[in-house]
Amino acid sequence: MFETRVATEADAALIAGHRSLMFAEMGHGDERQLREMAEAFIPWVRERLRDGRYLGWLVQDEEAVERERGCG
């Protein structure tokens, strides 16, 4: 069964990883560029998740997060 929950600052790396996969699937950036982008994005999104400027939802089953969406 799937469960939807609000993202927390603890999810920052997971959100950055999903974001990197999105850009990779669109053909934007090589592995190094995507890694650097994710490393820069993690503190940015963590701060915004903490103070409410970024809101995200995660859909997960018992084993893993299946989908992630956010806005900010």
Protein backbone atom coordinates (compact mmCIF):
# COMPACT_ATOMS: atom_id res chain seq x y z
CA MET A 1 0.00 0.00 0.00
CA PHE A 2 1.23 3.48 -0.83
CA GLU A 3 1.43 6.31 1.66
CA THR A 4 1.83 10.02 0.92
CA ARG A 5 3.69 12.21 3.35
CA VAL A 6 5.10 15.73 3.50
CA ALA A 7 8.83 16.00 2.80
CA THR A 8 11.12 17.08 5.64
CA GLU A 9 14.63 18.47 5.63
CA ALA A 10 15.83 14.89 6.16
CA ASP A 11 14.62 14.18 2.60
CA ALA A 12 16.87 16.79 0.96
CA ALA A 13 19.34 14.28 -0.53
CA LEU A 14 16.51 12.10 -1.83
CA ILE A 15 14.84 15.10 -3.50
CA ALA A 16 18.18 16.14 -5.01
CA GLY A 17 18.67 12.62 -6.35
CA HIS A 18 15.24 12.59 -8.00
CA ARG A 19 15.98 16.02 -9.47
CA SER A 20 19.29 14.79 -10.90
CA LEU A 21 17.55 11.79 -12.48
CA MET A 22 15.01 14.12 -14.08
CA PHE A 23 17.76 16.21 -15.67
CA ALA A 24 19.68 13.09 -16.75
CA GLU A 25 16.58 11.64 -18.44
CA MET A 26 16.15 14.93 -20.33
CA GLY A 27 19.78 14.68 -21.49
CA HIS A 28 20.96 17.74 -19.56
CA GLY A 29 24.46 17.48 -18.13
CA ASP A 30 27.01 14.76 -17.71
CA GLU A 31 27.58 12.72 -14.56
CA ARG A 32 29.98 15.26 -13.03
CA GLN A 33 27.67 18.20 -13.71
CA LEU A 34 24.67 16.38 -12.28
CA ARG A 35 26.61 15.39 -9.15
CA GLU A 36 27.79 18.98 -8.62
CA MET A 37 24.27 20.27 -9.16
CA ALA A 38 22.87 17.83 -6.58
CA GLU A 39 25.59 18.73 -4.06
CA ALA A 40 24.70 22.43 -4.41
CA PHE A 41 20.95 21.76 -4.31
CA ILE A 42 20.92 19.74 -1.07
CA PRO A 43 21.68 22.63 1.33
CA TRP A 44 19.44 24.95 -0.70
CA VAL A 45 16.39 22.67 -0.50
CA ARG A 46 17.13 21.59 3.10
CA GLU A 47 16.98 25.22 4.29
CA ARG A 48 13.74 25.83 2.38
CA LEU A 49 12.10 22.65 3.62
CA ARG A 50 13.00 23.73 7.16
CA ASP A 51 11.53 27.24 6.87
CA GLY A 52 8.54 26.39 4.66
CA ARG A 53 9.62 28.07 1.41
CA TYR A 54 9.71 24.65 -0.30
CA LEU A 55 6.95 22.12 0.08
CA GLY A 56 7.25 18.55 -1.13
CA TRP A 57 5.32 15.30 -1.01
CA LEU A 58 6.70 11.79 -1.11
CA VAL A 59 4.75 8.71 -2.10
CA GLN A 60 6.21 5.50 -0.74
CA ASP A 61 5.42 1.89 -0.11
CA GLU A 62 6.86 -0.16 2.73
CA GLU A 63 10.23 -0.42 0.98
CA ALA A 64 11.06 2.77 -0.90
CA VAL A 65 9.93 6.18 -2.06
CA GLU A 66 8.17 5.81 -5.39
CA ARG A 67 7.49 9.42 -6.35
CA GLU A 68 8.42 12.87 -5.14
CA ARG A 69 6.95 16.25 -6.03
CA GLY A 70 7.79 19.66 -4.73
CA CYS A 71 7.35 23.36 -5.25
CA GLY A 72 9.18 26.31 -3.90
